Every structure is written in structure tokens, then in C-alpha cells.
Amino acid sequence: QVQLVESGGGLVQPGGSLRLSCTTSGRTFSDHAMAWFRQGPEKERDFVAAINWSGVDQFYTDSVKGRFTISRDNAKNTVYLQMNSLKPEDTAIYYCAAHRTTGFVPLHPDEYEYWGQGTQVTVSS
């Protein structure tokens, strides 16, 4: 079992920045690919970014490329999402997720076994 706890959400003006953190406990963190998904009002849960077990490979949805950066610190059992140049359309609940693998990194939410409770990000002036 893996427990995930997100933090770092909040209200920010357009063009601003936030850094989300997701700290895990339970099974070995470095055995898992990690990802961030988001869900806006009346929308499905969409892929944002993912990172493989070592941190070498990162994946992003097109709308956040060049603005968001996913990273991880296996010594701290934590994955991060640095979000810059935020836009109102980035407003959503952001979820951290974990999938046990040291190989292929899935991008679909159905592939992830463990989820955090979510943290609200609101981009508004």
C-alpha cells in the first residue's frame, strides 16, 4: 500500500507560479512511476505530467510543455510539480498518483493504483 499526500495548492494570479509536492509513505517510492493529473469542474481527470522511477524520463501533456516541470527526490519520497506562467485554464484539483513499475510509464489514470486526496489550484485575477 502507498499513501500519498499533496500540498502546495492555492490561489495565484495569471502568470504566477506554484510548486506542488506529493509525499509518499508505504511501499518503496523508487519502485513507482509518479504522475500528476487534474480535474476541472464538470470535467474528466486529465493527465498533466509523469516521471519514471529514476527521474530521467518525464512526460507532459501539450498544454503544459515549457511551463510545468515534474521532478522527484527518491531520498525524500517526494514528487514535485513546478508550475510557471499559470493560466486560468490551469484551474483544477491536482492529484498525485503512483504506479508500481520500473519500466513503461503509463499516462492514463486507470493505470495508476494509488492516489492522493487532491489539492486545489485556482488561477484568477
C-alpha atoms as a PDB file:
ATOM      1  CA  GLN A   1       0.000   0.000   0.000  1.00  0.00           C
ATOM      2  CA  VAL A   2       1.172   3.532  -0.796  1.00  0.00           C
ATOM      3  CA  GLN A   3      -0.185   6.668   0.840  1.00  0.00           C
ATOM      4  CA  LEU A   4       0.141   9.983  -0.985  1.00  0.00           C
ATOM      5  CA  VAL A   5      -0.345  13.473   0.425  1.00  0.00           C
ATOM      6  CA  GLU A   6      -0.328  16.545  -1.812  1.00  0.00           C
ATOM      7  CA  SER A   7       0.398  20.104  -0.752  1.00  0.00           C
ATOM      8  CA  GLY A   8       1.188  23.474  -2.301  1.00  0.00           C
ATOM      9  CA  GLY A   9      -2.057  24.395  -3.978  1.00  0.00           C
ATOM     10  CA  GLY A  10      -3.688  27.779  -3.657  1.00  0.00           C
ATOM     11  CA  LEU A  11      -4.856  30.930  -5.394  1.00  0.00           C
ATOM     12  CA  VAL A  12      -2.471  32.627  -7.807  1.00  0.00           C
ATOM     13  CA  GLN A  13      -2.796  35.356 -10.410  1.00  0.00           C
ATOM     14  CA  PRO A  14      -2.356  34.614 -14.112  1.00  0.00           C
ATOM     15  CA  GLY A  15       1.333  34.462 -14.948  1.00  0.00           C
ATOM     16  CA  GLY A  16       2.237  33.384 -11.444  1.00  0.00           C
ATOM     17  CA  SER A  17       3.865  30.216 -10.164  1.00  0.00           C
ATOM     18  CA  LEU A  18       3.137  27.422  -7.708  1.00  0.00           C
ATOM     19  CA  ARG A  19       5.007  24.303  -6.684  1.00  0.00           C
ATOM     20  CA  LEU A  20       3.019  21.232  -5.746  1.00  0.00           C
ATOM     21  CA  SER A  21       4.527  18.496  -3.613  1.00  0.00           C
ATOM     22  CA  CYS A  22       3.410  14.917  -3.107  1.00  0.00           C
ATOM     23  CA  THR A  23       4.964  12.966  -0.267  1.00  0.00           C
ATOM     24  CA  THR A  24       4.515   9.205  -0.135  1.00  0.00           C
ATOM     25  CA  SER A  25       4.770   6.531   2.515  1.00  0.00           C
ATOM     26  CA  GLY A  26       4.392   2.804   2.493  1.00  0.00           C
ATOM     27  CA  ARG A  27       5.960   0.780  -0.315  1.00  0.00           C
ATOM     28  CA  THR A  28       9.340   1.698  -1.799  1.00  0.00           C
ATOM     29  CA  PHE A  29       8.918   5.010  -3.575  1.00  0.00           C
ATOM     30  CA  SER A  30      11.634   4.334  -6.142  1.00  0.00           C
ATOM     31  CA  ASP A  31       9.709   1.285  -7.438  1.00  0.00           C
ATOM     32  CA  HIS A  32       6.959   3.559  -8.714  1.00  0.00           C
ATOM     33  CA  ALA A  33       6.319   5.833 -11.649  1.00  0.00           C
ATOM     34  CA  MET A  34       4.642   9.020 -10.449  1.00  0.00           C
ATOM     35  CA  ALA A  35       2.213  11.326 -12.186  1.00  0.00           C
ATOM     36  CA  TRP A  36       0.076  14.404 -11.779  1.00  0.00           C
ATOM     37  CA  PHE A  37      -3.481  14.569 -13.070  1.00  0.00           C
ATOM     38  CA  ARG A  38      -6.015  17.373 -12.817  1.00  0.00           C
ATOM     39  CA  GLN A  39      -9.765  17.642 -12.826  1.00  0.00           C
ATOM     40  CA  GLY A  40     -11.649  20.843 -13.503  1.00  0.00           C
ATOM     41  CA  PRO A  41     -15.316  21.472 -12.700  1.00  0.00           C
ATOM     42  CA  GLU A  42     -17.552  19.039 -14.595  1.00  0.00           C
ATOM     43  CA  LYS A  43     -14.537  17.610 -16.438  1.00  0.00           C
ATOM     44  CA  GLU A  44     -12.770  14.263 -16.536  1.00  0.00           C
ATOM     45  CA  ARG A  45      -9.481  13.652 -14.777  1.00  0.00           C
ATOM     46  CA  ASP A  46      -6.771  14.538 -17.283  1.00  0.00           C
ATOM     47  CA  PHE A  47      -3.091  13.695 -17.482  1.00  0.00           C
ATOM     48  CA  VAL A  48      -0.680  16.549 -16.737  1.00  0.00           C
ATOM     49  CA  ALA A  49       2.811  15.087 -16.245  1.00  0.00           C
ATOM     50  CA  ALA A  50       4.581  11.856 -15.342  1.00  0.00           C
ATOM     51  CA  ILE A  51       8.070  10.750 -14.367  1.00  0.00           C
ATOM     52  CA  ASN A  52       9.760   7.380 -14.345  1.00  0.00           C
ATOM     53  CA  TRP A  53      11.228   5.693 -11.272  1.00  0.00           C
ATOM     54  CA  SER A  54      14.678   7.269 -11.641  1.00  0.00           C
ATOM     55  CA  GLY A  55      13.573  10.741 -12.688  1.00  0.00           C
ATOM     56  CA  VAL A  56      15.388  10.550 -16.019  1.00  0.00           C
ATOM     57  CA  ASP A  57      12.256  10.419 -18.185  1.00  0.00           C
ATOM     58  CA  GLN A  58       9.468  13.000 -17.961  1.00  0.00           C
ATOM     59  CA  PHE A  59       6.264  13.247 -19.933  1.00  0.00           C
ATOM     60  CA  TYR A  60       3.869  16.190 -20.330  1.00  0.00           C
ATOM     61  CA  THR A  61       0.562  16.967 -21.883  1.00  0.00           C
ATOM     62  CA  ASP A  62       0.975  19.501 -24.700  1.00  0.00           C
ATOM     63  CA  SER A  63      -0.797  22.350 -22.919  1.00  0.00           C
ATOM     64  CA  VAL A  64       1.782  22.493 -20.110  1.00  0.00           C
ATOM     65  CA  LYS A  65       5.008  21.823 -22.009  1.00  0.00           C
ATOM     66  CA  GLY A  66       7.530  24.585 -21.365  1.00  0.00           C
ATOM     67  CA  ARG A  67       5.566  25.835 -18.337  1.00  0.00           C
ATOM     68  CA  PHE A  68       5.426  22.873 -15.923  1.00  0.00           C
ATOM     69  CA  THR A  69       8.264  20.689 -14.680  1.00  0.00           C
ATOM     70  CA  ILE A  70       7.888  17.384 -12.881  1.00  0.00           C
ATOM     71  CA  SER A  71      10.724  16.118 -10.707  1.00  0.00           C
ATOM     72  CA  ARG A  72      11.295  13.693  -7.857  1.00  0.00           C
ATOM     73  CA  ASP A  73      13.568  13.195  -4.885  1.00  0.00           C
ATOM     74  CA  ASN A  74      13.699   9.496  -4.053  1.00  0.00           C
ATOM     75  CA  ALA A  75      15.597  10.179  -0.830  1.00  0.00           C
ATOM     76  CA  LYS A  76      12.650  12.266   0.374  1.00  0.00           C
ATOM     77  CA  ASN A  77       9.908  10.071  -1.150  1.00  0.00           C
ATOM     78  CA  THR A  78       8.539  13.164  -2.820  1.00  0.00           C
ATOM     79  CA  VAL A  79       7.487  14.196  -6.303  1.00  0.00           C
ATOM     80  CA  TYR A  80       7.083  17.831  -7.322  1.00  0.00           C
ATOM     81  CA  LEU A  81       5.243  19.798  -9.978  1.00  0.00           C
ATOM     82  CA  GLN A  82       6.669  23.254 -10.621  1.00  0.00           C
ATOM     83  CA  MET A  83       4.050  25.314 -12.423  1.00  0.00           C
ATOM     84  CA  ASN A  84       5.066  28.580 -14.064  1.00  0.00           C
ATOM     85  CA  SER A  85       3.207  31.055 -16.291  1.00  0.00           C
ATOM     86  CA  LEU A  86      -0.077  29.813 -14.918  1.00  0.00           C
ATOM     87  CA  LYS A  87      -3.257  30.434 -16.873  1.00  0.00           C
ATOM     88  CA  PRO A  88      -6.912  30.493 -15.778  1.00  0.00           C
ATOM     89  CA  GLU A  89      -7.450  27.247 -17.699  1.00  0.00           C
ATOM     90  CA  ASP A  90      -4.981  25.545 -15.334  1.00  0.00           C
ATOM     91  CA  THR A  91      -7.554  25.916 -12.564  1.00  0.00           C
ATOM     92  CA  ALA A  92      -8.405  22.445 -11.258  1.00  0.00           C
ATOM     93  CA  ILE A  93      -7.934  19.985  -8.456  1.00  0.00           C
ATOM     94  CA  TYR A  94      -4.495  18.431  -8.923  1.00  0.00           C
ATOM     95  CA  TYR A  95      -3.969  14.800  -7.956  1.00  0.00           C
ATOM     96  CA  CYS A  96      -0.758  12.893  -7.406  1.00  0.00           C
ATOM     97  CA  ALA A  97      -0.738   9.222  -8.437  1.00  0.00           C
ATOM     98  CA  ALA A  98       1.628   6.254  -8.228  1.00  0.00           C
ATOM     99  CA  HIS A  99       2.024   3.143 -10.380  1.00  0.00           C
ATOM    100  CA  ARG A 100       4.377   0.342  -9.435  1.00  0.00           C
ATOM    101  CA  THR A 101       6.806  -0.070 -12.322  1.00  0.00           C
ATOM    102  CA  THR A 102      10.443   0.434 -13.216  1.00  0.00           C
ATOM    103  CA  GLY A 103       9.593   0.241 -16.908  1.00  0.00           C
ATOM    104  CA  PHE A 104       6.892   1.772 -19.063  1.00  0.00           C
ATOM    105  CA  VAL A 105       5.273   4.904 -17.620  1.00  0.00           C
ATOM    106  CA  PRO A 106       1.510   4.979 -18.187  1.00  0.00           C
ATOM    107  CA  LEU A 107      -0.300   8.212 -18.984  1.00  0.00           C
ATOM    108  CA  HIS A 108      -3.890   7.108 -18.366  1.00  0.00           C
ATOM    109  CA  PRO A 109      -5.424   7.489 -14.895  1.00  0.00           C
ATOM    110  CA  ASP A 110      -6.857   3.950 -14.976  1.00  0.00           C
ATOM    111  CA  GLU A 111      -3.281   2.582 -14.880  1.00  0.00           C
ATOM    112  CA  TYR A 112      -2.490   4.177 -11.505  1.00  0.00           C
ATOM    113  CA  GLU A 113      -3.230   2.222  -8.334  1.00  0.00           C
ATOM    114  CA  TYR A 114      -2.628   4.871  -5.684  1.00  0.00           C
ATOM    115  CA  TRP A 115      -3.977   8.403  -5.405  1.00  0.00           C
ATOM    116  CA  GLY A 116      -3.697  11.399  -3.153  1.00  0.00           C
ATOM    117  CA  GLN A 117      -6.649  13.403  -1.914  1.00  0.00           C
ATOM    118  CA  GLY A 118      -6.022  16.298  -4.301  1.00  0.00           C
ATOM    119  CA  THR A 119      -5.063  19.939  -3.890  1.00  0.00           C
ATOM    120  CA  GLN A 120      -6.939  22.896  -5.377  1.00  0.00           C
ATOM    121  CA  VAL A 121      -5.163  25.245  -7.759  1.00  0.00           C
ATOM    122  CA  THR A 122      -7.043  28.400  -8.726  1.00  0.00           C
ATOM    123  CA  VAL A 123      -5.632  30.851 -11.255  1.00  0.00           C
ATOM    124  CA  SER A 124      -7.576  34.091 -11.185  1.00  0.00           C
ATOM    125  CA  SER A 125      -7.089  37.830 -11.005  1.00  0.00           C
END
